[in-house]
Amino acid sequence: DNAKNTVDLQMNSLKPEDTAVYSCAAGLRAGVRSHREYS
């Protein structure tokens, strides 16, 4: 929601292997699957 300046992640059917620290990131580059592309 750009108006609110927020990003959400809805997680359903959670599994034990989903256990982790979840971090959000912002970037301007195109390699969206690489953490190196986020500033």
PDB file of all heavy atoms in Angstrom:
ATOM      1  N   ASP A   1       0.869  -1.159   0.000  1.00  0.00           N
ATOM      2  CA  ASP A   1       0.000   0.000   0.000  1.00  0.00           C
ATOM      3  C   ASP A   1       0.911   1.215   0.000  1.00  0.00           C
ATOM      4  O   ASP A   1       1.424   1.616   1.046  1.00  0.00           O
ATOM      5  CB  ASP A   1      -0.921  -0.005   1.223  1.00  0.00           C
ATOM      6  CG  ASP A   1      -1.973   1.085   1.166  1.00  0.00           C
ATOM      7  OD1 ASP A   1      -1.740   2.127   0.528  1.00  0.00           O
ATOM      8  OD2 ASP A   1      -3.048   0.901   1.780  1.00  0.00           O
ATOM      9  N   ASN A   2       1.140   1.770  -1.166  1.00  0.00           N
ATOM     10  CA  ASN A   2       2.066   2.889  -1.283  1.00  0.00           C
ATOM     11  C   ASN A   2       1.579   4.138  -0.542  1.00  0.00           C
ATOM     12  O   ASN A   2       2.388   4.935  -0.067  1.00  0.00           O
ATOM     13  CB  ASN A   2       2.308   3.218  -2.753  1.00  0.00           C
ATOM     14  CG  ASN A   2       3.125   2.158  -3.454  1.00  0.00           C
ATOM     15  OD1 ASN A   2       3.903   1.439  -2.830  1.00  0.00           O
ATOM     16  ND2 ASN A   2       2.961   2.053  -4.771  1.00  0.00           N
ATOM     17  N   ALA A   3       0.276   4.307  -0.450  1.00  0.00           N
ATOM     18  CA  ALA A   3      -0.270   5.447   0.272  1.00  0.00           C
ATOM     19  C   ALA A   3       0.062   5.372   1.755  1.00  0.00           C
ATOM     20  O   ALA A   3       0.315   6.392   2.401  1.00  0.00           O
ATOM     21  CB  ALA A   3      -1.773   5.538   0.065  1.00  0.00           C
ATOM     22  N   LYS A   4       0.061   4.161   2.305  1.00  0.00           N
ATOM     23  CA  LYS A   4       0.378   3.955   3.709  1.00  0.00           C
ATOM     24  C   LYS A   4       1.850   3.654   3.935  1.00  0.00           C
ATOM     25  O   LYS A   4       2.294   3.574   5.083  1.00  0.00           O
ATOM     26  CB  LYS A   4      -0.466   2.821   4.283  1.00  0.00           C
ATOM     27  CG  LYS A   4      -1.958   3.095   4.299  1.00  0.00           C
ATOM     28  CD  LYS A   4      -2.713   1.919   4.893  1.00  0.00           C
ATOM     29  CE  LYS A   4      -4.198   2.186   4.939  1.00  0.00           C
ATOM     30  NZ  LYS A   4      -4.940   1.029   5.499  1.00  0.00           N
ATOM     31  N   ASN A   5       2.584   3.456   2.849  1.00  0.00           N
ATOM     32  CA  ASN A   5       4.013   3.152   2.936  1.00  0.00           C
ATOM     33  C   ASN A   5       4.257   1.835   3.685  1.00  0.00           C
ATOM     34  O   ASN A   5       5.142   1.737   4.542  1.00  0.00           O
ATOM     35  CB  ASN A   5       4.773   4.283   3.614  1.00  0.00           C
ATOM     36  CG  ASN A   5       5.996   4.720   2.842  1.00  0.00           C
ATOM     37  OD1 ASN A   5       6.079   4.555   1.628  1.00  0.00           O
ATOM     38  ND2 ASN A   5       6.965   5.289   3.547  1.00  0.00           N
ATOM     39  N   THR A   6       3.471   0.828   3.348  1.00  0.00           N
ATOM     40  CA  THR A   6       3.578  -0.459   4.017  1.00  0.00           C
ATOM     41  C   THR A   6       3.586  -1.603   3.011  1.00  0.00           C
ATOM     42  O   THR A   6       3.079  -1.479   1.895  1.00  0.00           O
ATOM     43  CB  THR A   6       2.425  -0.694   4.999  1.00  0.00           C
ATOM     44  OG1 THR A   6       1.174  -0.616   4.309  1.00  0.00           O
ATOM     45  CG2 THR A   6       2.453   0.341   6.114  1.00  0.00           C
ATOM     46  N   VAL A   7       4.155  -2.716   3.434  1.00  0.00           N
ATOM     47  CA  VAL A   7       4.166  -3.959   2.676  1.00  0.00           C
ATOM     48  C   VAL A   7       3.816  -5.087   3.631  1.00  0.00           C
ATOM     49  O   VAL A   7       4.357  -5.158   4.730  1.00  0.00           O
ATOM     50  CB  VAL A   7       5.539  -4.225   2.036  1.00  0.00           C
ATOM     51  CG1 VAL A   7       5.515  -5.530   1.258  1.00  0.00           C
ATOM     52  CG2 VAL A   7       5.936  -3.076   1.126  1.00  0.00           C
ATOM     53  N   ASP A   8       2.919  -5.955   3.203  1.00  0.00           N
ATOM     54  CA  ASP A   8       2.467  -7.050   4.044  1.00  0.00           C
ATOM     55  C   ASP A   8       2.786  -8.394   3.409  1.00  0.00           C
ATOM     56  O   ASP A   8       2.946  -8.514   2.195  1.00  0.00           O
ATOM     57  CB  ASP A   8       0.961  -6.974   4.277  1.00  0.00           C
ATOM     58  CG  ASP A   8       0.547  -5.785   5.118  1.00  0.00           C
ATOM     59  OD1 ASP A   8       1.418  -5.172   5.765  1.00  0.00           O
ATOM     60  OD2 ASP A   8      -0.658  -5.475   5.121  1.00  0.00           O
ATOM     61  N   LEU A   9       2.874  -9.401   4.246  1.00  0.00           N
ATOM     62  CA  LEU A   9       3.016 -10.775   3.789  1.00  0.00           C
ATOM     63  C   LEU A   9       1.991 -11.619   4.525  1.00  0.00           C
ATOM     64  O   LEU A   9       2.098 -11.802   5.740  1.00  0.00           O
ATOM     65  CB  LEU A   9       4.429 -11.309   4.043  1.00  0.00           C
ATOM     66  CG  LEU A   9       4.715 -12.699   3.487  1.00  0.00           C
ATOM     67  CD1 LEU A   9       4.739 -12.669   1.955  1.00  0.00           C
ATOM     68  CD2 LEU A   9       6.047 -13.231   4.018  1.00  0.00           C
ATOM     69  N   GLN A  10       1.002 -12.091   3.799  1.00  0.00           N
ATOM     70  CA  GLN A  10      -0.005 -12.979   4.355  1.00  0.00           C
ATOM     71  C   GLN A  10       0.468 -14.409   4.187  1.00  0.00           C
ATOM     72  O   GLN A  10       0.726 -14.855   3.068  1.00  0.00           O
ATOM     73  CB  GLN A  10      -1.347 -12.781   3.652  1.00  0.00           C
ATOM     74  CG  GLN A  10      -2.450 -13.723   4.114  1.00  0.00           C
ATOM     75  CD  GLN A  10      -2.862 -13.484   5.541  1.00  0.00           C
ATOM     76  OE1 GLN A  10      -3.077 -12.345   5.943  1.00  0.00           O
ATOM     77  NE2 GLN A  10      -2.966 -14.551   6.323  1.00  0.00           N
ATOM     78  N   MET A  11       0.575 -15.131   5.283  1.00  0.00           N
ATOM     79  CA  MET A  11       1.091 -16.488   5.273  1.00  0.00           C
ATOM     80  C   MET A  11       0.003 -17.445   5.726  1.00  0.00           C
ATOM     81  O   MET A  11      -0.487 -17.353   6.845  1.00  0.00           O
ATOM     82  CB  MET A  11       2.321 -16.603   6.178  1.00  0.00           C
ATOM     83  CG  MET A  11       3.456 -15.674   5.779  1.00  0.00           C
ATOM     84  SD  MET A  11       4.895 -15.806   6.872  1.00  0.00           S
ATOM     85  CE  MET A  11       4.242 -14.981   8.318  1.00  0.00           C
ATOM     86  N   ASN A  12      -0.365 -18.358   4.847  1.00  0.00           N
ATOM     87  CA  ASN A  12      -1.377 -19.361   5.139  1.00  0.00           C
ATOM     88  C   ASN A  12      -0.770 -20.756   5.073  1.00  0.00           C
ATOM     89  O   ASN A  12       0.288 -20.961   4.488  1.00  0.00           O
ATOM     90  CB  ASN A  12      -2.541 -19.255   4.150  1.00  0.00           C
ATOM     91  CG  ASN A  12      -3.248 -17.930   4.198  1.00  0.00           C
ATOM     92  OD1 ASN A  12      -3.374 -17.322   5.260  1.00  0.00           O
ATOM     93  ND2 ASN A  12      -3.745 -17.472   3.049  1.00  0.00           N
ATOM     94  N   SER A  13      -1.470 -21.711   5.653  1.00  0.00           N
ATOM     95  CA  SER A  13      -1.025 -23.108   5.652  1.00  0.00           C
ATOM     96  C   SER A  13       0.427 -23.226   6.081  1.00  0.00           C
ATOM     97  O   SER A  13       1.245 -23.885   5.437  1.00  0.00           O
ATOM     98  CB  SER A  13      -1.223 -23.722   4.256  1.00  0.00           C
ATOM     99  OG  SER A  13      -2.579 -23.668   3.862  1.00  0.00           O
ATOM    100  N   LEU A  14       0.747 -22.602   7.177  1.00  0.00           N
ATOM    101  CA  LEU A  14       2.124 -22.555   7.641  1.00  0.00           C
ATOM    102  C   LEU A  14       2.649 -23.933   8.018  1.00  0.00           C
ATOM    103  O   LEU A  14       1.918 -24.769   8.556  1.00  0.00           O
ATOM    104  CB  LEU A  14       2.244 -21.606   8.826  1.00  0.00           C
ATOM    105  CG  LEU A  14       2.226 -20.126   8.452  1.00  0.00           C
ATOM    106  CD1 LEU A  14       1.930 -19.267   9.672  1.00  0.00           C
ATOM    107  CD2 LEU A  14       3.566 -19.725   7.831  1.00  0.00           C
ATOM    108  N   LYS A  15       3.923 -24.137   7.738  1.00  0.00           N
ATOM    109  CA  LYS A  15       4.609 -25.386   8.023  1.00  0.00           C
ATOM    110  C   LYS A  15       5.764 -25.129   8.980  1.00  0.00           C
ATOM    111  O   LYS A  15       6.291 -24.018   9.031  1.00  0.00           O
ATOM    112  CB  LYS A  15       5.151 -26.002   6.725  1.00  0.00           C
ATOM    113  CG  LYS A  15       4.114 -26.212   5.639  1.00  0.00           C
ATOM    114  CD  LYS A  15       4.775 -26.688   4.359  1.00  0.00           C
ATOM    115  CE  LYS A  15       3.759 -26.876   3.250  1.00  0.00           C
ATOM    116  NZ  LYS A  15       4.403 -27.323   1.994  1.00  0.00           N
ATOM    117  N   PRO A  16       6.191 -26.137   9.732  1.00  0.00           N
ATOM    118  CA  PRO A  16       7.331 -25.948  10.629  1.00  0.00           C
ATOM    119  C   PRO A  16       8.573 -25.430   9.916  1.00  0.00           C
ATOM    120  O   PRO A  16       9.334 -24.652  10.504  1.00  0.00           O
ATOM    121  CB  PRO A  16       7.564 -27.347  11.207  1.00  0.00           C
ATOM    122  CG  PRO A  16       6.210 -27.971  11.189  1.00  0.00           C
ATOM    123  CD  PRO A  16       5.577 -27.467   9.920  1.00  0.00           C
ATOM    124  N   GLU A  17       8.777 -25.816   8.671  1.00  0.00           N
ATOM    125  CA  GLU A  17       9.933 -25.354   7.922  1.00  0.00           C
ATOM    126  C   GLU A  17       9.857 -23.882   7.541  1.00  0.00           C
ATOM    127  O   GLU A  17      10.822 -23.321   7.020  1.00  0.00           O
ATOM    128  CB  GLU A  17      10.159 -26.207   6.666  1.00  0.00           C
ATOM    129  CG  GLU A  17       8.926 -26.365   5.796  1.00  0.00           C
ATOM    130  CD  GLU A  17       8.200 -27.670   6.055  1.00  0.00           C
ATOM    131  OE1 GLU A  17       8.031 -28.025   7.234  1.00  0.00           O
ATOM    132  OE2 GLU A  17       7.811 -28.341   5.072  1.00  0.00           O
ATOM    133  N   ASP A  18       8.716 -23.240   7.788  1.00  0.00           N
ATOM    134  CA  ASP A  18       8.599 -21.804   7.579  1.00  0.00           C
ATOM    135  C   ASP A  18       9.181 -21.006   8.737  1.00  0.00           C
ATOM    136  O   ASP A  18       9.281 -19.782   8.649  1.00  0.00           O
ATOM    137  CB  ASP A  18       7.138 -21.404   7.386  1.00  0.00           C
ATOM    138  CG  ASP A  18       6.536 -21.952   6.109  1.00  0.00           C
ATOM    139  OD1 ASP A  18       7.231 -21.951   5.070  1.00  0.00           O
ATOM    140  OD2 ASP A  18       5.359 -22.377   6.141  1.00  0.00           O
ATOM    141  N   THR A  19       9.538 -21.677   9.806  1.00  0.00           N
ATOM    142  CA  THR A  19      10.099 -21.007  10.970  1.00  0.00           C
ATOM    143  C   THR A  19      11.390 -20.286  10.607  1.00  0.00           C
ATOM    144  O   THR A  19      12.324 -20.893  10.082  1.00  0.00           O
ATOM    145  CB  THR A  19      10.367 -22.007  12.096  1.00  0.00           C
ATOM    146  OG1 THR A  19       9.127 -22.569  12.543  1.00  0.00           O
ATOM    147  CG2 THR A  19      11.050 -21.328  13.277  1.00  0.00           C
ATOM    148  N   ALA A  20      11.436 -18.993  10.881  1.00  0.00           N
ATOM    149  CA  ALA A  20      12.598 -18.182  10.529  1.00  0.00           C
ATOM    150  C   ALA A  20      12.382 -16.752  10.995  1.00  0.00           C
ATOM    151  O   ALA A  20      11.286 -16.373  11.407  1.00  0.00           O
ATOM    152  CB  ALA A  20      12.828 -18.203   9.011  1.00  0.00           C
ATOM    153  N   VAL A  21      13.439 -15.971  10.909  1.00  0.00           N
ATOM    154  CA  VAL A  21      13.327 -14.530  11.054  1.00  0.00           C
ATOM    155  C   VAL A  21      13.018 -13.958   9.679  1.00  0.00           C
ATOM    156  O   VAL A  21      13.774 -14.174   8.726  1.00  0.00           O
ATOM    157  CB  VAL A  21      14.618 -13.906  11.617  1.00  0.00           C
ATOM    158  CG1 VAL A  21      14.512 -12.381  11.616  1.00  0.00           C
ATOM    159  CG2 VAL A  21      14.881 -14.412  13.025  1.00  0.00           C
ATOM    160  N   TYR A  22      11.926 -13.248   9.579  1.00  0.00           N
ATOM    161  CA  TYR A  22      11.497 -12.674   8.311  1.00  0.00           C
ATOM    162  C   TYR A  22      11.860 -11.204   8.263  1.00  0.00           C
ATOM    163  O   TYR A  22      11.526 -10.435   9.167  1.00  0.00           O
ATOM    164  CB  TYR A  22       9.991 -12.843   8.129  1.00  0.00           C
ATOM    165  CG  TYR A  22       9.584 -14.248   7.769  1.00  0.00           C
ATOM    166  CD1 TYR A  22       9.651 -15.268   8.706  1.00  0.00           C
ATOM    167  CD2 TYR A  22       9.141 -14.556   6.482  1.00  0.00           C
ATOM    168  CE1 TYR A  22       9.295 -16.564   8.377  1.00  0.00           C
ATOM    169  CE2 TYR A  22       8.776 -15.850   6.146  1.00  0.00           C
ATOM    170  CZ  TYR A  22       8.855 -16.851   7.088  1.00  0.00           C
ATOM    171  OH  TYR A  22       8.493 -18.133   6.759  1.00  0.00           O
ATOM    172  N   SER A  23      12.537 -10.801   7.191  1.00  0.00           N
ATOM    173  CA  SER A  23      12.970  -9.429   7.018  1.00  0.00           C
ATOM    174  C   SER A  23      12.424  -8.858   5.724  1.00  0.00           C
ATOM    175  O   SER A  23      12.353  -9.556   4.714  1.00  0.00           O
ATOM    176  CB  SER A  23      14.501  -9.337   6.995  1.00  0.00           C
ATOM    177  OG  SER A  23      15.061  -9.835   8.191  1.00  0.00           O
ATOM    178  N   CYS A  24      12.049  -7.598   5.759  1.00  0.00           N
ATOM    179  CA  CYS A  24      11.652  -6.931   4.533  1.00  0.00           C
ATOM    180  C   CYS A  24      12.803  -6.090   4.021  1.00  0.00           C
ATOM    181  O   CYS A  24      13.691  -5.687   4.778  1.00  0.00           O
ATOM    182  CB  CYS A  24      10.385  -6.084   4.724  1.00  0.00           C
ATOM    183  SG  CYS A  24      10.568  -4.683   5.852  1.00  0.00           S
ATOM    184  N   ALA A  25      12.805  -5.840   2.719  1.00  0.00           N
ATOM    185  CA  ALA A  25      13.891  -5.116   2.092  1.00  0.00           C
ATOM    186  C   ALA A  25      13.357  -4.264   0.953  1.00  0.00           C
ATOM    187  O   ALA A  25      12.330  -4.582   0.348  1.00  0.00           O
ATOM    188  CB  ALA A  25      14.948  -6.093   1.570  1.00  0.00           C
ATOM    189  N   ALA A  26      14.070  -3.193   0.661  1.00  0.00           N
ATOM    190  CA  ALA A  26      13.707  -2.282  -0.421  1.00  0.00           C
ATOM    191  C   ALA A  26      14.885  -2.100  -1.359  1.00  0.00           C
ATOM    192  O   ALA A  26      16.018  -1.947  -0.918  1.00  0.00           O
ATOM    193  CB  ALA A  26      13.264  -0.936   0.144  1.00  0.00           C
ATOM    194  N   GLY A  27      14.601  -2.103  -2.650  1.00  0.00           N
ATOM    195  CA  GLY A  27      15.652  -1.930  -3.627  1.00  0.00           C
ATOM    196  C   GLY A  27      15.148  -1.359  -4.928  1.00  0.00           C
ATOM    197  O   GLY A  27      13.944  -1.328  -5.192  1.00  0.00           O
ATOM    198  N   LEU A  28      16.073  -0.913  -5.757  1.00  0.00           N
ATOM    199  CA  LEU A  28      15.745  -0.326  -7.049  1.00  0.00           C
ATOM    200  C   LEU A  28      16.218  -1.178  -8.218  1.00  0.00           C
ATOM    201  O   LEU A  28      15.916  -0.861  -9.361  1.00  0.00           O
ATOM    202  CB  LEU A  28      16.359   1.070  -7.173  1.00  0.00           C
ATOM    203  CG  LEU A  28      15.852   2.125  -6.191  1.00  0.00           C
ATOM    204  CD1 LEU A  28      16.683   3.394  -6.309  1.00  0.00           C
ATOM    205  CD2 LEU A  28      14.387   2.414  -6.455  1.00  0.00           C
ATOM    206  N   ARG A  29      16.940  -2.240  -7.951  1.00  0.00           N
ATOM    207  CA  ARG A  29      17.500  -3.083  -8.992  1.00  0.00           C
ATOM    208  C   ARG A  29      16.529  -4.176  -9.386  1.00  0.00           C
ATOM    209  O   ARG A  29      15.546  -4.438  -8.697  1.00  0.00           O
ATOM    210  CB  ARG A  29      18.840  -3.659  -8.539  1.00  0.00           C
ATOM    211  CG  ARG A  29      19.848  -2.588  -8.163  1.00  0.00           C
ATOM    212  CD  ARG A  29      21.116  -3.189  -7.599  1.00  0.00           C
ATOM    213  NE  ARG A  29      21.890  -3.897  -8.607  1.00  0.00           N
ATOM    214  CZ  ARG A  29      22.810  -3.337  -9.384  1.00  0.00           C
ATOM    215  NH1 ARG A  29      23.073  -2.041  -9.264  1.00  0.00           N
ATOM    216  NH2 ARG A  29      23.462  -4.062 -10.271  1.00  0.00           N
ATOM    217  N   ALA A  30      16.847  -4.852 -10.487  1.00  0.00           N
ATOM    218  CA  ALA A  30      15.910  -5.795 -11.082  1.00  0.00           C
ATOM    219  C   ALA A  30      16.008  -7.224 -10.558  1.00  0.00           C
ATOM    220  O   ALA A  30      15.084  -8.015 -10.745  1.00  0.00           O
ATOM    221  CB  ALA A  30      16.084  -5.806 -12.604  1.00  0.00           C
ATOM    222  N   GLY A  31      17.119  -7.571  -9.927  1.00  0.00           N
ATOM    223  CA  GLY A  31      17.298  -8.936  -9.448  1.00  0.00           C
ATOM    224  C   GLY A  31      16.555  -9.195  -8.158  1.00  0.00           C
ATOM    225  O   GLY A  31      17.160  -9.281  -7.082  1.00  0.00           O
ATOM    226  N   VAL A  32      15.260  -9.363  -8.238  1.00  0.00           N
ATOM    227  CA  VAL A  32      14.395  -9.383  -7.061  1.00  0.00           C
ATOM    228  C   VAL A  32      14.622 -10.580  -6.148  1.00  0.00           C
ATOM    229  O   VAL A  32      14.258 -10.518  -4.971  1.00  0.00           O
ATOM    230  CB  VAL A  32      12.914  -9.329  -7.465  1.00  0.00           C
ATOM    231  CG1 VAL A  32      12.616  -8.017  -8.190  1.00  0.00           C
ATOM    232  CG2 VAL A  32      12.538 -10.514  -8.346  1.00  0.00           C
ATOM    233  N   ARG A  33      15.199 -11.666  -6.667  1.00  0.00           N
ATOM    234  CA  ARG A  33      15.411 -12.853  -5.849  1.00  0.00           C
ATOM    235  C   ARG A  33      16.755 -12.872  -5.133  1.00  0.00           C
ATOM    236  O   ARG A  33      17.014 -13.776  -4.333  1.00  0.00           O
ATOM    237  CB  ARG A  33      15.273 -14.118  -6.706  1.00  0.00           C
ATOM    238  CG  ARG A  33      13.846 -14.394  -7.155  1.00  0.00           C
ATOM    239  CD  ARG A  33      13.761 -15.624  -8.033  1.00  0.00           C
ATOM    240  NE  ARG A  33      12.384 -16.018  -8.291  1.00  0.00           N
ATOM    241  CZ  ARG A  33      11.617 -15.475  -9.235  1.00  0.00           C
ATOM    242  NH1 ARG A  33      12.102 -14.518 -10.017  1.00  0.00           N
ATOM    243  NH2 ARG A  33      10.370 -15.884  -9.393  1.00  0.00           N
ATOM    244  N   SER A  34      17.587 -11.889  -5.380  1.00  0.00           N
ATOM    245  CA  SER A  34      18.905 -11.818  -4.765  1.00  0.00           C
ATOM    246  C   SER A  34      18.952 -10.745  -3.691  1.00  0.00           C
ATOM    247  O   SER A  34      18.577  -9.598  -3.937  1.00  0.00           O
ATOM    248  CB  SER A  34      19.971 -11.533  -5.821  1.00  0.00           C
ATOM    249  OG  SER A  34      21.234 -11.316  -5.220  1.00  0.00           O
ATOM    250  N   HIS A  35      19.419 -11.116  -2.510  1.00  0.00           N
ATOM    251  CA  HIS A  35      19.512 -10.148  -1.422  1.00  0.00           C
ATOM    252  C   HIS A  35      20.494  -9.030  -1.743  1.00  0.00           C
ATOM    253  O   HIS A  35      20.408  -7.946  -1.165  1.00  0.00           O
ATOM    254  CB  HIS A  35      19.909 -10.838  -0.119  1.00  0.00           C
ATOM    255  CG  HIS A  35      21.319 -11.342  -0.101  1.00  0.00           C
ATOM    256  ND1 HIS A  35      21.673 -12.574  -0.571  1.00  0.00           N
ATOM    257  CD2 HIS A  35      22.459 -10.751   0.347  1.00  0.00           C
ATOM    258  CE1 HIS A  35      22.977 -12.743  -0.418  1.00  0.00           C
ATOM    259  NE2 HIS A  35      23.471 -11.654   0.131  1.00  0.00           N
ATOM    260  N   ARG A  36      21.432  -9.283  -2.656  1.00  0.00           N
ATOM    261  CA  ARG A  36      22.415  -8.278  -3.031  1.00  0.00           C
ATOM    262  C   ARG A  36      21.794  -7.095  -3.775  1.00  0.00           C
ATOM    263  O   ARG A  36      22.413  -6.042  -3.865  1.00  0.00           O
ATOM    264  CB  ARG A  36      23.502  -8.909  -3.911  1.00  0.00           C
ATOM    265  CG  ARG A  36      24.322  -9.980  -3.214  1.00  0.00           C
ATOM    266  CD  ARG A  36      25.367 -10.547  -4.146  1.00  0.00           C
ATOM    267  NE  ARG A  36      26.188 -11.559  -3.501  1.00  0.00           N
ATOM    268  CZ  ARG A  36      27.170 -12.209  -4.098  1.00  0.00           C
ATOM    269  NH1 ARG A  36      27.453 -11.956  -5.373  1.00  0.00           N
ATOM    270  NH2 ARG A  36      27.861 -13.118  -3.434  1.00  0.00           N
ATOM    271  N   GLU A  37      20.608  -7.261  -4.287  1.00  0.00           N
ATOM    272  CA  GLU A  37      19.959  -6.220  -5.071  1.00  0.00           C
ATOM    273  C   GLU A  37      19.164  -5.239  -4.213  1.00  0.00           C
ATOM    274  O   GLU A  37      18.587  -4.288  -4.742  1.00  0.00           O
ATOM    275  CB  GLU A  37      19.034  -6.844  -6.112  1.00  0.00           C
ATOM    276  CG  GLU A  37      19.731  -7.796  -7.077  1.00  0.00           C
ATOM    277  CD  GLU A  37      20.739  -7.109  -7.976  1.00  0.00           C
ATOM    278  OE1 GLU A  37      20.658  -5.872  -8.137  1.00  0.00           O
ATOM    279  OE2 GLU A  37      21.609  -7.799  -8.529  1.00  0.00           O
ATOM    280  N   TYR A  38      19.141  -5.441  -2.915  1.00  0.00           N
ATOM    281  CA  TYR A  38      18.362  -4.590  -2.028  1.00  0.00           C
ATOM    282  C   TYR A  38      19.261  -3.678  -1.206  1.00  0.00           C
ATOM    283  O   TYR A  38      20.299  -4.106  -0.689  1.00  0.00           O
ATOM    284  CB  TYR A  38      17.485  -5.443  -1.115  1.00  0.00           C
ATOM    285  CG  TYR A  38      16.415  -6.181  -1.870  1.00  0.00           C
ATOM    286  CD1 TYR A  38      16.681  -7.400  -2.475  1.00  0.00           C
ATOM    287  CD2 TYR A  38      15.132  -5.648  -1.987  1.00  0.00           C
ATOM    288  CE1 TYR A  38      15.703  -8.069  -3.194  1.00  0.00           C
ATOM    289  CE2 TYR A  38      14.150  -6.312  -2.690  1.00  0.00           C
ATOM    290  CZ  TYR A  38      14.441  -7.521  -3.298  1.00  0.00           C
ATOM    291  OH  TYR A  38      13.461  -8.180  -3.997  1.00  0.00           O
ATOM    292  N   SER A  39      18.849  -2.435  -1.071  1.00  0.00           N
ATOM    293  CA  SER A  39      19.652  -1.418  -0.407  1.00  0.00           C
ATOM    294  C   SER A  39      19.305  -1.221   1.063  1.00  0.00           C
ATOM    295  O   SER A  39      20.164  -0.834   1.855  1.00  0.00           O
ATOM    296  CB  SER A  39      19.495  -0.073  -1.136  1.00  0.00           C
ATOM    297  OG  SER A  39      19.926  -0.160  -2.484  1.00  0.00           O
TER     298      SER A  39
END
